[in-house]
Amino acid sequence: MPSARRAPQLAALVLCGALGVGSLAGCETTQEKAAAQRAESARILEARAKRQAQKKKQKHDDQHKQHKQEKGEG
């Protein structure tokens, strides 16, 4: 009856293999989520930098306009 003993061993081996593949797939999903989060963070930071640059330019333009009015040029 050697084959009767191997059936549970084979079943256990298949189960371990399935669990191993499942954990690898889980890691890939986690990596994909992390990559998506990094992309979203980069997009948010780029948008923030753009808003700050526009705000800085507007402030500079307003100061320049005010200076010209004080000098009587505007």
Protein backbone atom coordinates (compact mmCIF):
# COMPACT_ATOMS: atom_id res chain seq x y z
CA MET A 1 0.00 0.00 0.00
CA PRO A 2 2.71 2.55 -0.74
CA SER A 3 0.41 4.59 -2.99
CA ALA A 4 -2.11 5.01 -0.16
CA ARG A 5 0.57 6.74 1.91
CA ARG A 6 1.63 8.99 -0.94
CA ALA A 7 -1.84 10.38 -1.56
CA PRO A 8 -1.88 12.51 1.62
CA GLN A 9 1.72 13.55 1.01
CA LEU A 10 0.89 14.53 -2.55
CA ALA A 11 -2.18 16.42 -1.38
CA ALA A 12 -0.09 18.28 1.20
CA LEU A 13 2.52 19.12 -1.44
CA VAL A 14 -0.15 20.44 -3.82
CA LEU A 15 -1.68 22.52 -1.01
CA CYS A 16 1.70 24.02 -0.11
CA GLY A 17 2.38 24.80 -3.75
CA ALA A 18 -1.00 26.49 -4.10
CA LEU A 19 -0.38 28.56 -0.98
CA GLY A 20 3.06 29.54 -2.28
CA VAL A 21 1.66 30.69 -5.62
CA GLY A 22 -1.11 32.57 -3.84
CA SER A 23 1.35 34.43 -1.65
CA LEU A 24 3.44 35.39 -4.67
CA ALA A 25 0.35 36.72 -6.41
CA GLY A 26 -0.47 38.69 -3.26
CA CYS A 27 2.97 40.29 -3.29
CA GLU A 28 2.52 41.33 -6.89
CA THR A 29 -0.80 42.93 -6.03
CA THR A 30 0.83 44.78 -3.15
CA GLN A 31 3.61 45.97 -5.46
CA GLU A 32 1.06 47.16 -7.99
CA LYS A 33 -0.81 49.06 -5.28
CA ALA A 34 2.42 50.65 -4.11
CA ALA A 35 3.31 51.67 -7.67
CA ALA A 36 -0.14 53.18 -8.14
CA GLN A 37 0.20 55.07 -4.87
CA ARG A 38 3.62 56.42 -5.88
CA ALA A 39 2.17 57.59 -9.20
CA GLU A 40 -0.73 59.29 -7.43
CA SER A 41 1.65 60.96 -4.98
CA ALA A 42 3.81 62.22 -7.84
CA ARG A 43 0.72 63.62 -9.58
CA ILE A 44 -0.39 65.39 -6.40
CA LEU A 45 3.08 66.87 -5.83
CA GLU A 46 3.29 68.07 -9.44
CA ALA A 47 -0.13 69.73 -9.17
CA ARG A 48 0.91 71.37 -5.89
CA ALA A 49 4.15 72.68 -7.40
CA LYS A 50 2.20 74.08 -10.35
CA ARG A 51 -0.27 75.86 -8.04
CA GLN A 52 2.56 77.29 -5.96
CA ALA A 53 4.38 78.52 -9.08
CA GLN A 54 1.21 80.21 -10.32
CA LYS A 55 0.64 81.79 -6.92
CA LYS A 56 4.24 83.02 -6.79
CA LYS A 57 3.99 84.47 -10.31
CA GLN A 58 0.70 86.19 -9.49
CA LYS A 59 2.21 87.69 -6.33
CA HIS A 60 5.23 88.92 -8.31
CA ASP A 61 2.99 90.40 -11.00
CA ASP A 62 0.83 92.13 -8.38
CA GLN A 63 3.91 93.62 -6.68
CA HIS A 64 5.29 94.79 -10.02
CA LYS A 65 1.93 96.37 -10.93
CA GLN A 66 1.73 98.09 -7.53
CA HIS A 67 5.28 99.40 -7.89
CA LYS A 68 4.51 100.83 -11.33
CA GLN A 69 1.42 102.58 -9.94
CA GLU A 70 3.42 104.08 -7.10
CA LYS A 71 5.95 105.47 -9.56
CA GLY A 72 3.12 106.90 -11.69
CA GLU A 73 3.85 104.68 -14.67
CA GLY A 74 0.55 102.80 -14.69
